[in-house]
């Protein structure tokens, strides 16, 4: 049975503009993928592993080409569990608002936990090899302003970062649906959400 992992990076629950779009995606996905399992992973409700000195030392050990051992391996158990949760998914949906032109700190924390050498990437004689290949990803965002124009696109540090970091891990089939603008009047907000919902409804069956 295949699995869609839904990573939720907004703490606002039913008030979230992002989730108003993501919920439409998920409804459409369920209708077209009845044999799939959907796992919600709400970053505001989960306690992610902290990156202590010992855990960071473990990362440098892996980068040197060695394996974890002893207390260091024990310290990495929670990190490995999160990596395995991510890699167990055949497709990934990320629901994230834009905060300060980028991503919420909880999502950055999650990325820092799972993007680890020997697990999501490795260095080879020809360069970096991503180890999460073969997965599709959809990212649904909501932004206060409109960052789609040539004049404002340079302030969008959300989409370029997420494309790069997950591309580094081997996921290159990534589709963004951006609901924007959210904070420039109620009429524009409603239109933006409706437009994003329609895109989400059409995208989901393609997964």
N, C-alpha and C. Protein backbone atom coordinates (compact mmCIF):
# COMPACT_ATOMS: atom_id res chain seq x y z
N UNK A 1 0.85 -1.20 0.00
CA UNK A 1 0.00 0.00 0.00
C UNK A 1 0.89 1.25 0.00
N UNK A 2 0.57 2.19 -0.89
CA UNK A 2 1.38 3.39 -0.99
C UNK A 2 0.92 4.46 0.01
N UNK A 3 1.84 5.42 0.26
CA UNK A 3 1.54 6.42 1.30
C UNK A 3 1.88 7.82 0.84
N UNK A 4 0.98 8.74 1.17
CA UNK A 4 1.22 10.17 1.03
C UNK A 4 1.49 10.73 2.41
N UNK A 5 2.65 11.36 2.58
CA UNK A 5 2.98 12.02 3.85
C UNK A 5 2.64 13.49 3.73
N UNK A 6 1.75 13.96 4.61
CA UNK A 6 1.34 15.36 4.61
C UNK A 6 2.03 16.08 5.76
N UNK A 7 3.00 16.90 5.43
CA UNK A 7 3.77 17.65 6.42
C UNK A 7 3.11 19.01 6.61
N UNK A 8 2.61 19.27 7.80
CA UNK A 8 1.86 20.49 8.09
C UNK A 8 2.76 21.45 8.87
N UNK A 9 3.04 22.61 8.27
CA UNK A 9 3.95 23.57 8.90
C UNK A 9 3.23 24.84 9.33
N UNK A 10 1.92 24.78 9.45
CA UNK A 10 1.16 25.91 9.97
C UNK A 10 0.52 25.52 11.29
N UNK A 11 0.59 26.38 12.31
CA UNK A 11 0.00 26.06 13.60
C UNK A 11 -1.46 26.52 13.73
N UNK A 12 -2.06 27.06 12.66
CA UNK A 12 -3.34 27.76 12.78
C UNK A 12 -4.57 26.87 12.63
N UNK A 13 -4.38 25.60 12.33
CA UNK A 13 -5.51 24.69 12.25
C UNK A 13 -6.57 25.14 11.24
N UNK A 14 -7.83 25.15 11.68
CA UNK A 14 -8.94 25.49 10.78
C UNK A 14 -8.88 26.94 10.28
N UNK A 15 -8.14 27.80 10.97
CA UNK A 15 -8.01 29.19 10.55
C UNK A 15 -6.95 29.37 9.46
N UNK A 16 -6.24 28.32 9.13
CA UNK A 16 -5.12 28.42 8.19
C UNK A 16 -5.60 28.55 6.75
N UNK A 17 -5.13 29.60 6.07
CA UNK A 17 -5.42 29.76 4.65
C UNK A 17 -4.76 28.65 3.85
N UNK A 18 -3.57 28.25 4.28
CA UNK A 18 -2.86 27.17 3.59
C UNK A 18 -3.67 25.89 3.60
N UNK A 19 -4.21 25.52 4.76
CA UNK A 19 -4.94 24.26 4.87
C UNK A 19 -6.29 24.30 4.16
N UNK A 20 -6.82 25.49 3.93
CA UNK A 20 -8.06 25.58 3.14
C UNK A 20 -7.81 25.09 1.72
N UNK A 21 -6.59 25.27 1.25
CA UNK A 21 -6.22 24.77 -0.08
C UNK A 21 -5.80 23.30 0.01
N UNK A 22 -5.00 22.97 0.99
CA UNK A 22 -4.52 21.60 1.14
C UNK A 22 -5.66 20.61 1.35
N UNK A 23 -6.68 21.01 2.08
CA UNK A 23 -7.80 20.11 2.32
C UNK A 23 -8.54 19.76 1.03
N UNK A 24 -8.58 20.70 0.10
CA UNK A 24 -9.19 20.41 -1.21
C UNK A 24 -8.31 19.41 -1.96
N UNK A 25 -7.00 19.62 -1.90
CA UNK A 25 -6.07 18.67 -2.53
C UNK A 25 -6.29 17.27 -1.95
N UNK A 26 -6.37 17.17 -0.63
CA UNK A 26 -6.50 15.87 0.02
C UNK A 26 -7.82 15.19 -0.31
N UNK A 27 -8.91 15.96 -0.37
CA UNK A 27 -10.21 15.38 -0.75
C UNK A 27 -10.14 14.80 -2.17
N UNK A 28 -9.54 15.55 -3.07
CA UNK A 28 -9.40 15.08 -4.46
C UNK A 28 -8.46 13.88 -4.52
N UNK A 29 -7.42 13.91 -3.71
CA UNK A 29 -6.46 12.80 -3.68
C UNK A 29 -7.14 11.52 -3.19
N UNK A 30 -7.93 11.63 -2.13
CA UNK A 30 -8.61 10.45 -1.59
C UNK A 30 -9.54 9.83 -2.63
N UNK A 31 -10.23 10.66 -3.38
CA UNK A 31 -11.16 10.16 -4.38
C UNK A 31 -10.46 9.43 -5.51
N UNK A 32 -9.25 9.87 -5.84
CA UNK A 32 -8.54 9.29 -6.98
C UNK A 32 -7.47 8.27 -6.57
N UNK A 33 -7.20 8.14 -5.27
CA UNK A 33 -6.18 7.21 -4.78
C UNK A 33 -6.75 6.44 -3.58
N UNK A 34 -7.78 5.69 -3.80
CA UNK A 34 -8.47 5.04 -2.68
C UNK A 34 -7.65 3.93 -2.04
N UNK A 35 -6.59 3.50 -2.69
CA UNK A 35 -5.75 2.45 -2.13
C UNK A 35 -4.52 3.01 -1.42
N UNK A 36 -4.44 4.34 -1.30
CA UNK A 36 -3.31 4.97 -0.63
C UNK A 36 -3.66 5.29 0.81
N UNK A 37 -2.63 5.35 1.64
CA UNK A 37 -2.75 5.82 3.03
C UNK A 37 -2.24 7.26 3.09
N UNK A 38 -2.93 8.11 3.83
CA UNK A 38 -2.47 9.49 4.05
C UNK A 38 -2.09 9.64 5.51
N UNK A 39 -0.85 10.06 5.73
CA UNK A 39 -0.37 10.29 7.10
C UNK A 39 -0.13 11.78 7.31
N UNK A 40 -0.85 12.37 8.25
CA UNK A 40 -0.63 13.77 8.61
C UNK A 40 0.48 13.86 9.65
N UNK A 41 1.41 14.78 9.40
CA UNK A 41 2.50 15.01 10.35
C UNK A 41 2.54 16.50 10.64
N UNK A 42 1.92 16.89 11.76
CA UNK A 42 1.76 18.29 12.13
C UNK A 42 2.97 18.73 12.97
N UNK A 43 3.80 19.57 12.38
CA UNK A 43 5.04 19.98 13.05
C UNK A 43 4.81 20.81 14.30
N UNK A 44 3.63 21.42 14.42
CA UNK A 44 3.34 22.22 15.61
C UNK A 44 2.89 21.35 16.78
N UNK A 45 2.61 20.06 16.52
CA UNK A 45 2.14 19.16 17.57
C UNK A 45 3.13 18.06 17.89
N UNK A 46 4.18 17.95 17.10
CA UNK A 46 5.19 16.91 17.31
C UNK A 46 6.46 17.52 17.92
N UNK A 47 7.14 16.73 18.71
CA UNK A 47 8.41 17.18 19.28
C UNK A 47 9.55 16.60 18.45
N UNK A 48 10.15 17.44 17.62
CA UNK A 48 11.24 16.98 16.78
C UNK A 48 12.53 16.84 17.59
N UNK A 49 13.41 15.95 17.17
CA UNK A 49 14.68 15.80 17.88
C UNK A 49 15.48 17.11 17.85
N UNK A 50 16.04 17.49 18.96
CA UNK A 50 16.90 18.67 18.99
C UNK A 50 18.28 18.28 18.45
N UNK A 51 18.94 19.24 17.84
CA UNK A 51 20.25 18.97 17.24
C UNK A 51 21.33 19.32 18.26
N UNK A 52 21.54 18.40 19.18
CA UNK A 52 22.53 18.58 20.23
C UNK A 52 23.95 18.43 19.66
N UNK A 53 24.93 18.76 20.49
CA UNK A 53 26.34 18.62 20.07
C UNK A 53 26.63 17.19 19.66
N UNK A 54 26.16 16.21 20.44
CA UNK A 54 26.45 14.81 20.12
C UNK A 54 25.81 14.41 18.79
N UNK A 55 24.59 14.90 18.54
CA UNK A 55 23.93 14.57 17.27
C UNK A 55 24.61 15.25 16.08
N UNK A 56 25.06 16.48 16.27
CA UNK A 56 25.79 17.16 15.20
C UNK A 56 27.13 16.47 14.97
N UNK A 57 27.77 16.01 16.04
CA UNK A 57 29.01 15.24 15.89
C UNK A 57 28.76 13.98 15.05
N UNK A 58 27.59 13.39 15.24
CA UNK A 58 27.23 12.22 14.44
C UNK A 58 27.14 12.54 12.97
N UNK A 59 26.61 13.71 12.65
CA UNK A 59 26.52 14.12 11.25
C UNK A 59 27.91 14.24 10.63
N UNK A 60 28.84 14.83 11.37
CA UNK A 60 30.19 14.98 10.83
C UNK A 60 30.89 13.63 10.71
N UNK A 61 30.54 12.70 11.59
CA UNK A 61 31.09 11.35 11.47
C UNK A 61 30.60 10.71 10.17
N UNK A 62 29.32 10.86 9.88
CA UNK A 62 28.76 10.31 8.65
C UNK A 62 29.37 10.99 7.43
N UNK A 63 29.58 12.30 7.52
CA UNK A 63 30.19 13.03 6.39
C UNK A 63 31.61 12.56 6.13
N UNK A 64 32.27 12.04 7.15
CA UNK A 64 33.64 11.55 6.97
C UNK A 64 33.67 10.15 6.37
N UNK A 65 32.49 9.58 6.16
CA UNK A 65 32.42 8.25 5.56
C UNK A 65 32.32 7.11 6.55
N UNK A 66 32.28 7.44 7.86
CA UNK A 66 32.20 6.42 8.89
C UNK A 66 30.74 6.21 9.32
N UNK A 67 30.51 5.16 10.09
CA UNK A 67 29.18 4.85 10.58
C UNK A 67 29.03 5.27 12.03
N UNK A 68 27.79 5.49 12.44
CA UNK A 68 27.51 5.82 13.83
C UNK A 68 27.78 4.61 14.72
N UNK A 69 28.20 4.86 15.96
CA UNK A 69 28.48 3.76 16.87
C UNK A 69 28.24 4.23 18.32
N UNK A 70 28.05 3.26 19.19
CA UNK A 70 27.95 3.54 20.62
C UNK A 70 26.87 4.54 20.99
N UNK A 71 27.22 5.45 21.90
CA UNK A 71 26.26 6.44 22.39
C UNK A 71 25.77 7.35 21.27
N UNK A 72 26.63 7.57 20.28
CA UNK A 72 26.25 8.44 19.18
C UNK A 72 25.12 7.81 18.36
N UNK A 73 25.20 6.50 18.17
CA UNK A 73 24.14 5.80 17.44
C UNK A 73 22.83 5.84 18.23
N UNK A 74 22.93 5.69 19.55
CA UNK A 74 21.75 5.77 20.40
C UNK A 74 21.13 7.17 20.31
N UNK A 75 21.99 8.20 20.32
CA UNK A 75 21.52 9.58 20.27
C UNK A 75 20.80 9.89 18.95
N UNK A 76 21.12 9.12 17.92
CA UNK A 76 20.54 9.36 16.59
C UNK A 76 19.25 8.58 16.34
N UNK A 77 18.79 7.80 17.28
CA UNK A 77 17.62 6.96 17.04
C UNK A 77 16.38 7.78 16.64
N UNK A 78 16.16 8.89 17.33
CA UNK A 78 14.99 9.72 17.01
C UNK A 78 15.13 10.38 15.63
N UNK A 79 16.35 10.77 15.28
CA UNK A 79 16.58 11.35 13.96
C UNK A 79 16.32 10.31 12.87
N UNK A 80 16.84 9.11 13.07
CA UNK A 80 16.65 8.05 12.09
C UNK A 80 15.17 7.70 11.94
N UNK A 81 14.43 7.75 13.05
CA UNK A 81 12.99 7.46 12.99
C UNK A 81 12.27 8.48 12.10
N UNK A 82 12.65 9.76 12.20
CA UNK A 82 12.02 10.78 11.35
C UNK A 82 12.43 10.61 9.88
N UNK A 83 13.68 10.26 9.66
CA UNK A 83 14.13 10.00 8.28
C UNK A 83 13.36 8.83 7.69
N UNK A 84 13.20 7.77 8.47
CA UNK A 84 12.48 6.59 7.97
C UNK A 84 11.02 6.90 7.70
N UNK A 85 10.41 7.75 8.53
CA UNK A 85 9.03 8.17 8.28
C UNK A 85 8.94 8.88 6.92
N UNK A 86 9.89 9.79 6.67
CA UNK A 86 9.90 10.52 5.40
C UNK A 86 10.12 9.58 4.22
N UNK A 87 11.09 8.70 4.33
CA UNK A 87 11.42 7.81 3.21
C UNK A 87 10.37 6.72 3.00
N UNK A 88 9.51 6.50 3.98
CA UNK A 88 8.45 5.49 3.82
C UNK A 88 7.33 5.99 2.92
N UNK A 89 7.34 7.30 2.62
CA UNK A 89 6.29 7.88 1.78
C UNK A 89 6.65 7.76 0.30
N UNK A 90 5.63 7.49 -0.51
CA UNK A 90 5.80 7.45 -1.96
C UNK A 90 5.61 8.83 -2.57
N UNK A 91 4.90 9.70 -1.85
CA UNK A 91 4.68 11.07 -2.29
C UNK A 91 4.54 11.94 -1.04
N UNK A 92 4.83 13.23 -1.20
CA UNK A 92 4.85 14.14 -0.05
C UNK A 92 4.07 15.40 -0.39
N UNK A 93 3.23 15.83 0.53
CA UNK A 93 2.56 17.12 0.45
C UNK A 93 3.04 17.97 1.61
N UNK A 94 3.53 19.16 1.32
CA UNK A 94 3.94 20.10 2.37
C UNK A 94 2.97 21.28 2.36
N UNK A 95 2.38 21.57 3.50
CA UNK A 95 1.50 22.72 3.65
C UNK A 95 2.22 23.74 4.52
N UNK A 96 2.57 24.87 3.91
CA UNK A 96 3.37 25.85 4.67
C UNK A 96 3.01 27.28 4.30
N UNK A 97 2.81 28.12 5.29
CA UNK A 97 2.69 29.55 5.01
C UNK A 97 4.07 30.13 4.74
N UNK A 98 4.11 31.34 4.20
CA UNK A 98 5.36 32.07 4.11
C UNK A 98 5.50 32.92 5.38
N UNK A 99 6.63 32.77 6.04
CA UNK A 99 6.94 33.60 7.20
C UNK A 99 8.21 34.37 6.90
N UNK A 100 8.13 35.68 7.00
CA UNK A 100 9.31 36.52 6.79
C UNK A 100 10.06 36.16 5.51
N UNK A 101 9.28 35.98 4.45
CA UNK A 101 9.81 35.71 3.10
C UNK A 101 10.36 34.30 2.93
N UNK A 102 10.25 33.46 3.96
CA UNK A 102 10.79 32.11 3.88
C UNK A 102 9.82 31.10 4.47
N UNK A 103 10.36 30.10 5.16
CA UNK A 103 9.54 29.05 5.74
C UNK A 103 9.50 29.19 7.26
N UNK A 104 8.46 28.65 7.91
CA UNK A 104 8.41 28.67 9.37
C UNK A 104 9.58 27.89 9.98
N UNK A 105 9.97 28.29 11.18
CA UNK A 105 11.12 27.65 11.82
C UNK A 105 10.91 26.17 12.08
N UNK A 106 9.66 25.75 12.26
CA UNK A 106 9.39 24.32 12.50
C UNK A 106 9.73 23.50 11.26
N UNK A 107 9.43 24.03 10.08
CA UNK A 107 9.75 23.32 8.85
C UNK A 107 11.25 23.29 8.62
N UNK A 108 11.93 24.39 8.93
CA UNK A 108 13.39 24.40 8.81
C UNK A 108 14.01 23.39 9.77
N UNK A 109 13.49 23.31 10.98
CA UNK A 109 13.97 22.33 11.95
C UNK A 109 13.80 20.93 11.40
N UNK A 110 12.63 20.65 10.84
CA UNK A 110 12.35 19.32 10.29
C UNK A 110 13.34 18.98 9.17
N UNK A 111 13.58 19.93 8.28
CA UNK A 111 14.52 19.71 7.18
C UNK A 111 15.92 19.45 7.73
N UNK A 112 16.32 20.21 8.74
CA UNK A 112 17.65 20.02 9.33
C UNK A 112 17.77 18.65 9.99
N UNK A 113 16.66 18.11 10.47
CA UNK A 113 16.68 16.78 11.08
C UNK A 113 16.82 15.68 10.03
N UNK A 114 16.06 15.76 8.94
CA UNK A 114 16.00 14.62 8.01
C UNK A 114 17.05 14.65 6.90
N UNK A 115 17.52 15.81 6.50
CA UNK A 115 18.47 15.87 5.38
C UNK A 115 19.86 15.57 5.93
N UNK A 116 20.19 14.29 5.97
CA UNK A 116 21.41 13.81 6.59
C UNK A 116 22.21 12.95 5.61
N UNK A 117 23.55 13.00 5.71
CA UNK A 117 24.40 12.17 4.85
C UNK A 117 24.17 10.69 5.12
N UNK A 118 24.25 9.90 4.05
CA UNK A 118 24.03 8.44 4.04
C UNK A 118 22.56 8.07 4.15
N UNK A 119 21.69 9.05 4.39
CA UNK A 119 20.27 8.78 4.49
C UNK A 119 19.49 9.47 3.37
N UNK A 120 19.64 10.78 3.21
CA UNK A 120 18.95 11.50 2.14
C UNK A 120 19.91 11.94 1.03
N UNK A 121 21.21 11.90 1.28
CA UNK A 121 22.17 12.23 0.23
C UNK A 121 23.51 11.58 0.53
N UNK A 122 24.32 11.48 -0.50
CA UNK A 122 25.68 10.99 -0.32
C UNK A 122 26.59 11.64 -1.36
N UNK A 123 27.85 11.76 -1.01
CA UNK A 123 28.83 12.30 -1.94
C UNK A 123 29.48 11.15 -2.71
N UNK A 124 29.58 11.33 -4.01
CA UNK A 124 30.19 10.32 -4.87
C UNK A 124 31.33 10.96 -5.66
N UNK A 125 32.00 10.15 -6.48
CA UNK A 125 33.10 10.66 -7.30
C UNK A 125 32.62 11.68 -8.32
N UNK A 126 31.33 11.64 -8.64
CA UNK A 126 30.78 12.57 -9.65
C UNK A 126 29.95 13.68 -9.03
N UNK A 127 29.91 13.74 -7.69
CA UNK A 127 29.17 14.81 -7.03
C UNK A 127 28.15 14.27 -6.04
N UNK A 128 27.17 15.09 -5.70
CA UNK A 128 26.15 14.70 -4.72
C UNK A 128 25.09 13.83 -5.39
N UNK A 129 24.71 12.77 -4.69
CA UNK A 129 23.61 11.92 -5.14
C UNK A 129 22.49 11.98 -4.11
N UNK A 130 21.30 12.39 -4.54
CA UNK A 130 20.14 12.38 -3.66
C UNK A 130 19.62 10.96 -3.49
N UNK A 131 19.23 10.60 -2.29
CA UNK A 131 18.80 9.23 -1.99
C UNK A 131 17.29 9.11 -1.81
N UNK A 132 16.56 10.19 -2.08
CA UNK A 132 15.09 10.15 -1.96
C UNK A 132 14.44 10.23 -3.33
N UNK A 133 15.15 9.73 -4.34
CA UNK A 133 14.65 9.81 -5.72
C UNK A 133 13.36 9.01 -5.90
N UNK A 134 12.63 9.35 -6.96
CA UNK A 134 11.44 8.59 -7.32
C UNK A 134 10.17 9.02 -6.62
N UNK A 135 10.22 10.11 -5.87
CA UNK A 135 9.04 10.59 -5.17
C UNK A 135 8.53 11.87 -5.80
N UNK A 136 7.21 12.05 -5.75
CA UNK A 136 6.61 13.32 -6.14
C UNK A 136 6.36 14.16 -4.90
N UNK A 137 6.40 15.47 -5.09
CA UNK A 137 6.13 16.38 -3.97
C UNK A 137 5.25 17.52 -4.45
N UNK A 138 4.27 17.86 -3.65
CA UNK A 138 3.48 19.07 -3.87
C UNK A 138 3.68 19.97 -2.66
N UNK A 139 3.84 21.25 -2.91
CA UNK A 139 3.98 22.22 -1.83
C UNK A 139 2.88 23.26 -1.99
N UNK A 140 2.03 23.36 -0.99
CA UNK A 140 0.95 24.33 -1.00
C UNK A 140 1.29 25.42 0.01
N UNK A 141 1.32 26.66 -0.48
CA UNK A 141 1.71 27.77 0.38
C UNK A 141 0.63 28.84 0.40
N UNK A 142 0.72 29.70 1.40
CA UNK A 142 -0.06 30.94 1.41
C UNK A 142 0.90 32.06 1.77
N UNK A 143 0.73 33.20 1.07
CA UNK A 143 1.65 34.33 1.27
C UNK A 143 0.84 35.60 1.46
N UNK A 144 1.33 36.49 2.32
CA UNK A 144 0.62 37.73 2.59
C UNK A 144 0.53 38.63 1.38
N UNK A 145 1.62 38.70 0.60
CA UNK A 145 1.67 39.52 -0.61
C UNK A 145 1.74 38.62 -1.83
N UNK A 146 1.81 39.24 -2.99
CA UNK A 146 1.91 38.50 -4.25
C UNK A 146 3.36 38.53 -4.71
N UNK A 147 3.97 37.36 -4.78
CA UNK A 147 5.38 37.26 -5.16
C UNK A 147 5.56 36.65 -6.56
N UNK A 148 4.54 36.77 -7.39
CA UNK A 148 4.59 36.14 -8.70
C UNK A 148 5.14 37.06 -9.79
N UNK A 149 5.27 38.33 -9.52
CA UNK A 149 5.73 39.26 -10.55
C UNK A 149 7.25 39.34 -10.56
N UNK A 150 7.80 39.85 -11.66
CA UNK A 150 9.25 40.00 -11.77
C UNK A 150 9.79 40.93 -10.70
N UNK A 151 9.00 41.92 -10.29
CA UNK A 151 9.44 42.91 -9.31
C UNK A 151 9.51 42.33 -7.89
N UNK A 152 8.63 41.37 -7.59
CA UNK A 152 8.54 40.86 -6.22
C UNK A 152 9.13 39.46 -6.05
N UNK A 153 9.40 38.79 -7.15
CA UNK A 153 9.85 37.39 -7.07
C UNK A 153 11.16 37.26 -6.29
N UNK A 154 12.01 38.28 -6.34
CA UNK A 154 13.28 38.21 -5.64
C UNK A 154 13.15 38.14 -4.13
N UNK A 155 11.98 38.50 -3.60
CA UNK A 155 11.76 38.44 -2.16
C UNK A 155 11.22 37.09 -1.71
N UNK A 156 10.99 36.19 -2.65
CA UNK A 156 10.49 34.85 -2.34
C UNK A 156 11.68 33.93 -2.06
N UNK A 157 11.96 33.69 -0.78
CA UNK A 157 13.02 32.76 -0.40
C UNK A 157 12.45 31.41 0.03
N UNK A 158 11.16 31.25 -0.18
CA UNK A 158 10.47 30.02 0.22
C UNK A 158 10.57 28.95 -0.86
N UNK A 159 10.02 29.25 -2.04
CA UNK A 159 10.01 28.25 -3.11
C UNK A 159 11.42 27.88 -3.58
N UNK A 160 12.31 28.85 -3.83
CA UNK A 160 13.66 28.45 -4.28
C UNK A 160 14.38 27.56 -3.27
N UNK A 161 14.24 27.87 -1.98
CA UNK A 161 14.91 27.06 -0.97
C UNK A 161 14.36 25.64 -0.95
N UNK A 162 13.04 25.49 -0.92
CA UNK A 162 12.44 24.16 -0.85
C UNK A 162 12.76 23.35 -2.10
N UNK A 163 12.74 23.98 -3.26
CA UNK A 163 13.11 23.27 -4.49
C UNK A 163 14.55 22.78 -4.41
N UNK A 164 15.43 23.64 -3.91
CA UNK A 164 16.85 23.27 -3.88
C UNK A 164 17.12 22.17 -2.86
N UNK A 165 16.62 22.33 -1.63
CA UNK A 165 16.99 21.39 -0.58
C UNK A 165 16.41 20.00 -0.86
N UNK A 166 15.18 19.92 -1.37
CA UNK A 166 14.63 18.60 -1.67
C UNK A 166 15.17 18.07 -3.00
N UNK A 167 15.55 18.97 -3.91
CA UNK A 167 16.25 18.53 -5.11
C UNK A 167 17.61 17.94 -4.75
N UNK A 168 18.27 18.53 -3.79
CA UNK A 168 19.55 18.02 -3.27
C UNK A 168 19.37 16.60 -2.75
N UNK A 169 18.20 16.34 -2.17
CA UNK A 169 17.90 15.00 -1.65
C UNK A 169 17.37 14.06 -2.73
N UNK A 170 17.24 14.55 -3.97
CA UNK A 170 16.85 13.69 -5.07
C UNK A 170 15.43 13.84 -5.55
N UNK A 171 14.63 14.72 -4.91
CA UNK A 171 13.24 14.92 -5.33
C UNK A 171 13.18 16.13 -6.25
N UNK A 172 12.97 15.88 -7.52
CA UNK A 172 12.95 16.96 -8.50
C UNK A 172 11.56 17.21 -9.08
N UNK A 173 10.65 16.27 -8.88
CA UNK A 173 9.27 16.43 -9.37
C UNK A 173 8.47 17.14 -8.28
N UNK A 174 8.56 18.46 -8.25
CA UNK A 174 7.94 19.27 -7.20
C UNK A 174 7.02 20.30 -7.85
N UNK A 175 5.78 20.33 -7.42
CA UNK A 175 4.80 21.30 -7.91
C UNK A 175 4.38 22.22 -6.78
N UNK A 176 4.43 23.52 -7.04
CA UNK A 176 4.00 24.52 -6.06
C UNK A 176 2.64 25.08 -6.43
N UNK A 177 1.80 25.24 -5.42
CA UNK A 177 0.55 25.98 -5.55
C UNK A 177 0.59 27.07 -4.49
N UNK A 178 0.68 28.32 -4.93
CA UNK A 178 0.84 29.45 -4.02
C UNK A 178 -0.44 30.29 -3.98
N UNK A 179 -1.06 30.33 -2.81
CA UNK A 179 -2.24 31.18 -2.61
C UNK A 179 -1.74 32.56 -2.19
N UNK A 180 -1.90 33.53 -3.09
CA UNK A 180 -1.38 34.88 -2.83
C UNK A 180 -2.18 35.92 -3.62
N UNK A 181 -2.42 37.10 -3.03
CA UNK A 181 -2.02 37.57 -1.69
C UNK A 181 -3.11 37.30 -0.66
N UNK A 182 -2.71 37.11 0.57
CA UNK A 182 -3.65 36.84 1.65
C UNK A 182 -3.95 38.08 2.49
N UNK A 183 -3.08 39.09 2.46
CA UNK A 183 -3.22 40.22 3.38
C UNK A 183 -3.43 41.55 2.65
N UNK A 184 -4.03 41.49 1.47
CA UNK A 184 -4.23 42.72 0.70
C UNK A 184 -5.71 42.92 0.38
N UNK A 185 -6.53 42.58 1.34
CA UNK A 185 -7.96 42.77 1.20
C UNK A 185 -8.71 41.47 1.08
N UNK A 186 -9.92 41.43 1.64
CA UNK A 186 -10.71 40.20 1.70
C UNK A 186 -11.08 39.68 0.32
N UNK A 187 -11.39 40.59 -0.61
CA UNK A 187 -11.80 40.16 -1.95
C UNK A 187 -10.65 39.44 -2.67
N UNK A 188 -9.46 40.02 -2.60
CA UNK A 188 -8.31 39.39 -3.24
C UNK A 188 -7.98 38.07 -2.56
N UNK A 189 -8.13 38.02 -1.25
CA UNK A 189 -7.85 36.78 -0.52
C UNK A 189 -8.78 35.66 -0.97
N UNK A 190 -10.08 35.96 -1.07
CA UNK A 190 -11.05 34.94 -1.47
C UNK A 190 -10.76 34.43 -2.89
N UNK A 191 -10.43 35.36 -3.78
CA UNK A 191 -10.11 34.96 -5.16
C UNK A 191 -8.86 34.10 -5.21
N UNK A 192 -7.85 34.47 -4.42
CA UNK A 192 -6.59 33.72 -4.42
C UNK A 192 -6.79 32.31 -3.88
N UNK A 193 -7.57 32.19 -2.81
CA UNK A 193 -7.82 30.87 -2.24
C UNK A 193 -8.62 30.01 -3.21
N UNK A 194 -9.64 30.59 -3.83
CA UNK A 194 -10.46 29.83 -4.78
C UNK A 194 -9.62 29.35 -5.97
N UNK A 195 -8.75 30.23 -6.47
CA UNK A 195 -7.88 29.86 -7.59
C UNK A 195 -6.92 28.74 -7.20
N UNK A 196 -6.33 28.85 -6.02
CA UNK A 196 -5.41 27.82 -5.55
C UNK A 196 -6.14 26.50 -5.30
N UNK A 197 -7.35 26.57 -4.78
CA UNK A 197 -8.13 25.36 -4.54
C UNK A 197 -8.43 24.62 -5.84
N UNK A 198 -8.73 25.36 -6.89
CA UNK A 198 -9.01 24.73 -8.18
C UNK A 198 -7.76 24.05 -8.73
N UNK A 199 -6.62 24.70 -8.58
CA UNK A 199 -5.34 24.08 -9.01
C UNK A 199 -5.06 22.82 -8.20
N UNK A 200 -5.33 22.88 -6.91
CA UNK A 200 -5.09 21.73 -6.03
C UNK A 200 -6.00 20.57 -6.41
N UNK A 201 -7.25 20.87 -6.71
CA UNK A 201 -8.21 19.83 -7.09
C UNK A 201 -7.77 19.11 -8.37
N UNK A 202 -7.20 19.86 -9.30
CA UNK A 202 -6.76 19.27 -10.57
C UNK A 202 -5.42 18.54 -10.44
N UNK A 203 -4.57 19.00 -9.53
CA UNK A 203 -3.25 18.40 -9.38
C UNK A 203 -3.31 17.03 -8.70
N UNK A 204 -4.15 16.88 -7.69
CA UNK A 204 -4.15 15.68 -6.85
C UNK A 204 -4.27 14.37 -7.63
N UNK A 205 -5.16 14.26 -8.62
CA UNK A 205 -5.26 12.98 -9.34
C UNK A 205 -3.98 12.59 -10.07
N UNK A 206 -3.10 13.55 -10.36
CA UNK A 206 -1.85 13.27 -11.10
C UNK A 206 -0.83 12.56 -10.22
N UNK A 207 -1.08 12.52 -8.92
CA UNK A 207 -0.16 11.84 -8.01
C UNK A 207 -0.48 10.35 -7.96
